[in-house]
Every structure is written in structure tokens, then in C-alpha cells.
Amino acid sequence: MAPEPRKALAVMLANHAARYRGVVVPDDQRGGELALLVRGGCTLAPDAYLFTVIDRAILAEKDKLPKR
């Protein structure tokens, strides 16, 4: 998959997981840190599903993210 469609898919999945968890993914440093967690998770477990990695990253940072 090309980089731009892959990023768009990851953003869509992150927004979906954030809604489910009752938070919002901000466009500031916290969102960037979340993206780094996802990138690291995909590097450590490349066979894992992208949505699972994103959801677990949001769950780990849930207390630092703004509520919906």
C-alpha cells in the first residue's frame, strides 16, 4: 500500500478507536506521541493487526487524551 493511503487508513482507524474509547485524537504533540506508539507497535509486532495496535496505543494513552 502506498504511504498516503496507508496514513489515511491509520487516521480513520485511530478516530474510530478513539470514539469507541470516549476520547479524541488531538492534532498536537499528544497525537504525535500516539502515532509514534503505533509506529513502534507495528515495528515490534509486524504480524499484528493495525487496528489492534492503534486501539492498544489509544488505551495506553487514554488518560492523557481529551475526552469527547
PDB file of N, CA and C in Angstrom:
ATOM      1  N   MET A   1       0.852  -1.166   0.000  1.00  0.00           N
ATOM      2  CA  MET A   1       0.000   0.000   0.000  1.00  0.00           C
ATOM      3  C   MET A   1       0.904   1.238   0.000  1.00  0.00           C
ATOM      4  N   ALA A   2       0.531   2.219  -0.781  1.00  0.00           N
ATOM      5  CA  ALA A   2       1.297   3.460  -0.863  1.00  0.00           C
ATOM      6  C   ALA A   2       1.220   4.219   0.461  1.00  0.00           C
ATOM      7  N   PRO A   3       2.211   5.074   0.753  1.00  0.00           N
ATOM      8  CA  PRO A   3       2.247   5.768   2.053  1.00  0.00           C
ATOM      9  C   PRO A   3       1.018   6.627   2.360  1.00  0.00           C
ATOM     10  N   GLU A   4       0.535   7.406   1.427  1.00  0.00           N
ATOM     11  CA  GLU A   4      -0.597   8.297   1.711  1.00  0.00           C
ATOM     12  C   GLU A   4      -1.892   7.547   2.023  1.00  0.00           C
ATOM     13  N   PRO A   5      -2.272   6.549   1.230  1.00  0.00           N
ATOM     14  CA  PRO A   5      -3.478   5.777   1.603  1.00  0.00           C
ATOM     15  C   PRO A   5      -3.304   5.037   2.931  1.00  0.00           C
ATOM     16  N   ARG A   6      -2.089   4.590   3.226  1.00  0.00           N
ATOM     17  CA  ARG A   6      -1.817   3.892   4.491  1.00  0.00           C
ATOM     18  C   ARG A   6      -2.009   4.854   5.664  1.00  0.00           C
ATOM     19  N   LYS A   7      -1.517   6.093   5.527  1.00  0.00           N
ATOM     20  CA  LYS A   7      -1.694   7.097   6.581  1.00  0.00           C
ATOM     21  C   LYS A   7      -3.173   7.431   6.768  1.00  0.00           C
ATOM     22  N   ALA A   8      -3.893   7.583   5.667  1.00  0.00           N
ATOM     23  CA  ALA A   8      -5.319   7.895   5.741  1.00  0.00           C
ATOM     24  C   ALA A   8      -6.083   6.767   6.447  1.00  0.00           C
ATOM     25  N   LEU A   9      -5.731   5.533   6.152  1.00  0.00           N
ATOM     26  CA  LEU A   9      -6.362   4.390   6.809  1.00  0.00           C
ATOM     27  C   LEU A   9      -6.054   4.399   8.304  1.00  0.00           C
ATOM     28  N   ALA A  10      -4.816   4.661   8.671  1.00  0.00           N
ATOM     29  CA  ALA A  10      -4.435   4.690  10.084  1.00  0.00           C
ATOM     30  C   ALA A  10      -5.171   5.802  10.832  1.00  0.00           C
ATOM     31  N   VAL A  11      -5.314   6.964  10.215  1.00  0.00           N
ATOM     32  CA  VAL A  11      -6.037   8.071  10.849  1.00  0.00           C
ATOM     33  C   VAL A  11      -7.509   7.701  11.040  1.00  0.00           C
ATOM     34  N   MET A  12      -8.109   7.098  10.032  1.00  0.00           N
ATOM     35  CA  MET A  12      -9.509   6.684  10.132  1.00  0.00           C
ATOM     36  C   MET A  12      -9.692   5.652  11.244  1.00  0.00           C
ATOM     37  N   LEU A  13      -8.799   4.687  11.326  1.00  0.00           N
ATOM     38  CA  LEU A  13      -8.882   3.675  12.380  1.00  0.00           C
ATOM     39  C   LEU A  13      -8.650   4.292  13.756  1.00  0.00           C
ATOM     40  N   ALA A  14      -7.729   5.247  13.856  1.00  0.00           N
ATOM     41  CA  ALA A  14      -7.455   5.913  15.131  1.00  0.00           C
ATOM     42  C   ALA A  14      -8.674   6.709  15.590  1.00  0.00           C
ATOM     43  N   ASN A  15      -9.310   7.404  14.675  1.00  0.00           N
ATOM     44  CA  ASN A  15     -10.507   8.171  15.040  1.00  0.00           C
ATOM     45  C   ASN A  15     -11.637   7.244  15.480  1.00  0.00           C
ATOM     46  N   HIS A  16     -11.772   6.113  14.823  1.00  0.00           N
ATOM     47  CA  HIS A  16     -12.799   5.137  15.194  1.00  0.00           C
ATOM     48  C   HIS A  16     -12.522   4.581  16.597  1.00  0.00           C
ATOM     49  N   ALA A  17     -11.288   4.179  16.849  1.00  0.00           N
ATOM     50  CA  ALA A  17     -10.926   3.627  18.155  1.00  0.00           C
ATOM     51  C   ALA A  17     -11.073   4.685  19.242  1.00  0.00           C
ATOM     52  N   ALA A  18     -10.715   5.919  18.945  1.00  0.00           N
ATOM     53  CA  ALA A  18     -10.830   6.997  19.931  1.00  0.00           C
ATOM     54  C   ALA A  18     -12.295   7.244  20.286  1.00  0.00           C
ATOM     55  N   ARG A  19     -13.169   7.245  19.287  1.00  0.00           N
ATOM     56  CA  ARG A  19     -14.604   7.413  19.564  1.00  0.00           C
ATOM     57  C   ARG A  19     -15.106   6.292  20.467  1.00  0.00           C
ATOM     58  N   TYR A  20     -14.691   5.076  20.185  1.00  0.00           N
ATOM     59  CA  TYR A  20     -15.108   3.936  20.992  1.00  0.00           C
ATOM     60  C   TYR A  20     -14.626   4.078  22.438  1.00  0.00           C
ATOM     61  N   ARG A  21     -13.427   4.593  22.611  1.00  0.00           N
ATOM     62  CA  ARG A  21     -12.841   4.752  23.944  1.00  0.00           C
ATOM     63  C   ARG A  21     -13.278   6.043  24.639  1.00  0.00           C
ATOM     64  N   GLY A  22     -14.029   6.897  23.934  1.00  0.00           N
ATOM     65  CA  GLY A  22     -14.540   8.125  24.540  1.00  0.00           C
ATOM     66  C   GLY A  22     -13.552   9.264  24.601  1.00  0.00           C
ATOM     67  N   VAL A  23     -12.565   9.246  23.724  1.00  0.00           N
ATOM     68  CA  VAL A  23     -11.566  10.314  23.682  1.00  0.00           C
ATOM     69  C   VAL A  23     -11.456  10.857  22.267  1.00  0.00           C
ATOM     70  N   VAL A  24     -10.632  11.880  22.123  1.00  0.00           N
ATOM     71  CA  VAL A  24     -10.372  12.491  20.823  1.00  0.00           C
ATOM     72  C   VAL A  24      -8.874  12.442  20.572  1.00  0.00           C
ATOM     73  N   VAL A  25      -8.465  12.157  19.350  1.00  0.00           N
ATOM     74  CA  VAL A  25      -7.056  12.200  18.991  1.00  0.00           C
ATOM     75  C   VAL A  25      -6.738  13.641  18.597  1.00  0.00           C
ATOM     76  N   PRO A  26      -5.948  14.347  19.418  1.00  0.00           N
ATOM     77  CA  PRO A  26      -5.655  15.747  19.119  1.00  0.00           C
ATOM     78  C   PRO A  26      -4.597  15.887  18.027  1.00  0.00           C
ATOM     79  N   ASP A  27      -4.548  17.078  17.426  1.00  0.00           N
ATOM     80  CA  ASP A  27      -3.566  17.352  16.370  1.00  0.00           C
ATOM     81  C   ASP A  27      -2.306  17.999  16.930  1.00  0.00           C
ATOM     82  N   ASP A  28      -2.062  17.849  18.224  1.00  0.00           N
ATOM     83  CA  ASP A  28      -0.879  18.450  18.830  1.00  0.00           C
ATOM     84  C   ASP A  28       0.161  17.369  19.135  1.00  0.00           C
ATOM     85  N   GLN A  29       1.033  17.658  20.083  1.00  0.00           N
ATOM     86  CA  GLN A  29       2.118  16.741  20.425  1.00  0.00           C
ATOM     87  C   GLN A  29       1.593  15.392  20.915  1.00  0.00           C
ATOM     88  N   ARG A  30       0.460  15.389  21.614  1.00  0.00           N
ATOM     89  CA  ARG A  30      -0.098  14.123  22.116  1.00  0.00           C
ATOM     90  C   ARG A  30      -0.482  13.200  20.971  1.00  0.00           C
ATOM     91  N   GLY A  31      -1.017  13.760  19.886  1.00  0.00           N
ATOM     92  CA  GLY A  31      -1.337  12.953  18.710  1.00  0.00           C
ATOM     93  C   GLY A  31      -0.086  12.399  18.059  1.00  0.00           C
ATOM     94  N   GLY A  32       0.968  13.209  18.046  1.00  0.00           N
ATOM     95  CA  GLY A  32       2.248  12.756  17.505  1.00  0.00           C
ATOM     96  C   GLY A  32       2.855  11.630  18.324  1.00  0.00           C
ATOM     97  N   GLU A  33       2.732  11.750  19.640  1.00  0.00           N
ATOM     98  CA  GLU A  33       3.234  10.695  20.518  1.00  0.00           C
ATOM     99  C   GLU A  33       2.441   9.406  20.323  1.00  0.00           C
ATOM    100  N   LEU A  34       1.157   9.549  20.113  1.00  0.00           N
ATOM    101  CA  LEU A  34       0.312   8.386  19.838  1.00  0.00           C
ATOM    102  C   LEU A  34       0.747   7.713  18.535  1.00  0.00           C
ATOM    103  N   ALA A  35       1.035   8.527  17.527  1.00  0.00           N
ATOM    104  CA  ALA A  35       1.499   7.991  16.244  1.00  0.00           C
ATOM    105  C   ALA A  35       2.825   7.249  16.402  1.00  0.00           C
ATOM    106  N   LEU A  36       3.707   7.765  17.245  1.00  0.00           N
ATOM    107  CA  LEU A  36       4.982   7.080  17.487  1.00  0.00           C
ATOM    108  C   LEU A  36       4.766   5.744  18.192  1.00  0.00           C
ATOM    109  N   LEU A  37       3.788   5.693  19.108  1.00  0.00           N
ATOM    110  CA  LEU A  37       3.460   4.411  19.755  1.00  0.00           C
ATOM    111  C   LEU A  37       2.962   3.393  18.733  1.00  0.00           C
ATOM    112  N   VAL A  38       2.112   3.848  17.835  1.00  0.00           N
ATOM    113  CA  VAL A  38       1.588   2.953  16.797  1.00  0.00           C
ATOM    114  C   VAL A  38       2.728   2.472  15.898  1.00  0.00           C
ATOM    115  N   ARG A  39       3.585   3.395  15.502  1.00  0.00           N
ATOM    116  CA  ARG A  39       4.717   3.020  14.643  1.00  0.00           C
ATOM    117  C   ARG A  39       5.613   1.995  15.350  1.00  0.00           C
ATOM    118  N   GLY A  40       5.891   2.243  16.629  1.00  0.00           N
ATOM    119  CA  GLY A  40       6.701   1.299  17.402  1.00  0.00           C
ATOM    120  C   GLY A  40       6.025  -0.042  17.556  1.00  0.00           C
ATOM    121  N   GLY A  41       4.727  -0.030  17.791  1.00  0.00           N
ATOM    122  CA  GLY A  41       3.976  -1.283  17.925  1.00  0.00           C
ATOM    123  C   GLY A  41       3.995  -2.092  16.651  1.00  0.00           C
ATOM    124  N   CYS A  42       3.900  -1.413  15.520  1.00  0.00           N
ATOM    125  CA  CYS A  42       3.935  -2.116  14.232  1.00  0.00           C
ATOM    126  C   CYS A  42       5.325  -2.645  13.930  1.00  0.00           C
ATOM    127  N   THR A  43       6.348  -1.953  14.439  1.00  0.00           N
ATOM    128  CA  THR A  43       7.727  -2.409  14.240  1.00  0.00           C
ATOM    129  C   THR A  43       8.013  -3.635  15.095  1.00  0.00           C
ATOM    130  N   LEU A  44       7.530  -3.609  16.344  1.00  0.00           N
ATOM    131  CA  LEU A  44       7.781  -4.726  17.252  1.00  0.00           C
ATOM    132  C   LEU A  44       6.960  -5.965  16.899  1.00  0.00           C
ATOM    133  N   ALA A  45       5.761  -5.757  16.417  1.00  0.00           N
ATOM    134  CA  ALA A  45       4.874  -6.874  16.079  1.00  0.00           C
ATOM    135  C   ALA A  45       4.312  -6.671  14.675  1.00  0.00           C
ATOM    136  N   PRO A  46       5.130  -6.877  13.652  1.00  0.00           N
ATOM    137  CA  PRO A  46       4.664  -6.605  12.285  1.00  0.00           C
ATOM    138  C   PRO A  46       3.522  -7.503  11.817  1.00  0.00           C
ATOM    139  N   ASP A  47       3.308  -8.623  12.481  1.00  0.00           N
ATOM    140  CA  ASP A  47       2.214  -9.509  12.103  1.00  0.00           C
ATOM    141  C   ASP A  47       0.904  -9.142  12.789  1.00  0.00           C
ATOM    142  N   ALA A  48       0.943  -8.178  13.704  1.00  0.00           N
ATOM    143  CA  ALA A  48      -0.266  -7.761  14.411  1.00  0.00           C
ATOM    144  C   ALA A  48      -1.167  -6.964  13.468  1.00  0.00           C
ATOM    145  N   TYR A  49      -2.422  -6.928  13.813  1.00  0.00           N
ATOM    146  CA  TYR A  49      -3.369  -6.146  13.028  1.00  0.00           C
ATOM    147  C   TYR A  49      -3.226  -4.672  13.371  1.00  0.00           C
ATOM    148  N   LEU A  50      -3.280  -3.821  12.369  1.00  0.00           N
ATOM    149  CA  LEU A  50      -3.094  -2.388  12.558  1.00  0.00           C
ATOM    150  C   LEU A  50      -4.109  -1.820  13.539  1.00  0.00           C
ATOM    151  N   PHE A  51      -5.375  -2.210  13.418  1.00  0.00           N
ATOM    152  CA  PHE A  51      -6.391  -1.674  14.314  1.00  0.00           C
ATOM    153  C   PHE A  51      -6.102  -2.038  15.764  1.00  0.00           C
ATOM    154  N   THR A  52      -5.648  -3.250  16.016  1.00  0.00           N
ATOM    155  CA  THR A  52      -5.320  -3.675  17.371  1.00  0.00           C
ATOM    156  C   THR A  52      -4.185  -2.847  17.942  1.00  0.00           C
ATOM    157  N   VAL A  53      -3.166  -2.586  17.159  1.00  0.00           N
ATOM    158  CA  VAL A  53      -2.039  -1.769  17.611  1.00  0.00           C
ATOM    159  C   VAL A  53      -2.514  -0.354  17.922  1.00  0.00           C
ATOM    160  N   ILE A  54      -3.333   0.222  17.057  1.00  0.00           N
ATOM    161  CA  ILE A  54      -3.846   1.578  17.267  1.00  0.00           C
ATOM    162  C   ILE A  54      -4.721   1.627  18.512  1.00  0.00           C
ATOM    163  N   ASP A  55      -5.626   0.666  18.670  1.00  0.00           N
ATOM    164  CA  ASP A  55      -6.521   0.650  19.817  1.00  0.00           C
ATOM    165  C   ASP A  55      -5.749   0.511  21.117  1.00  0.00           C
ATOM    166  N   ARG A  56      -4.751  -0.326  21.138  1.00  0.00           N
ATOM    167  CA  ARG A  56      -3.957  -0.503  22.365  1.00  0.00           C
ATOM    168  C   ARG A  56      -3.138   0.739  22.682  1.00  0.00           C
ATOM    169  N   ALA A  57      -2.645   1.427  21.665  1.00  0.00           N
ATOM    170  CA  ALA A  57      -1.919   2.674  21.899  1.00  0.00           C
ATOM    171  C   ALA A  57      -2.853   3.727  22.488  1.00  0.00           C
ATOM    172  N   ILE A  58      -4.074   3.825  21.956  1.00  0.00           N
ATOM    173  CA  ILE A  58      -5.053   4.778  22.491  1.00  0.00           C
ATOM    174  C   ILE A  58      -5.419   4.399  23.920  1.00  0.00           C
ATOM    175  N   LEU A  59      -5.598   3.139  24.186  1.00  0.00           N
ATOM    176  CA  LEU A  59      -5.920   2.682  25.531  1.00  0.00           C
ATOM    177  C   LEU A  59      -4.785   3.014  26.510  1.00  0.00           C
ATOM    178  N   ALA A  60      -3.537   2.860  26.068  1.00  0.00           N
ATOM    179  CA  ALA A  60      -2.396   3.162  26.927  1.00  0.00           C
ATOM    180  C   ALA A  60      -2.306   4.652  27.240  1.00  0.00           C
ATOM    181  N   GLU A  61      -2.703   5.501  26.305  1.00  0.00           N
ATOM    182  CA  GLU A  61      -2.601   6.954  26.480  1.00  0.00           C
ATOM    183  C   GLU A  61      -3.941   7.608  26.808  1.00  0.00           C
ATOM    184  N   LYS A  62      -4.942   6.832  27.101  1.00  0.00           N
ATOM    185  CA  LYS A  62      -6.301   7.336  27.295  1.00  0.00           C
ATOM    186  C   LYS A  62      -6.384   8.448  28.331  1.00  0.00           C
ATOM    187  N   ASP A  63      -5.647   8.337  29.426  1.00  0.00           N
ATOM    188  CA  ASP A  63      -5.700   9.353  30.485  1.00  0.00           C
ATOM    189  C   ASP A  63      -5.136  10.690  30.046  1.00  0.00           C
ATOM    190  N   LYS A  64      -4.264  10.689  29.030  1.00  0.00           N
ATOM    191  CA  LYS A  64      -3.632  11.922  28.566  1.00  0.00           C
ATOM    192  C   LYS A  64      -4.405  12.582  27.414  1.00  0.00           C
ATOM    193  N   LEU A  65      -5.377  11.874  26.859  1.00  0.00           N
ATOM    194  CA  LEU A  65      -6.118  12.389  25.709  1.00  0.00           C
ATOM    195  C   LEU A  65      -7.375  13.117  26.176  1.00  0.00           C
ATOM    196  N   PRO A  66      -7.792  14.151  25.412  1.00  0.00           N
ATOM    197  CA  PRO A  66      -9.022  14.870  25.784  1.00  0.00           C
ATOM    198  C   PRO A  66     -10.252  13.999  25.614  1.00  0.00           C
ATOM    199  N   LYS A  67     -11.196  14.157  26.518  1.00  0.00           N
ATOM    200  CA  LYS A  67     -12.445  13.396  26.455  1.00  0.00           C
ATOM    201  C   LYS A  67     -13.345  13.944  25.345  1.00  0.00           C
ATOM    202  N   ARG A  68     -14.242  13.110  24.851  1.00  0.00           N
ATOM    203  CA  ARG A  68     -15.194  13.537  23.814  1.00  0.00           C
ATOM    204  C   ARG A  68     -16.217  14.448  24.402  1.00  0.00           C
TER     205      ARG A  68
END
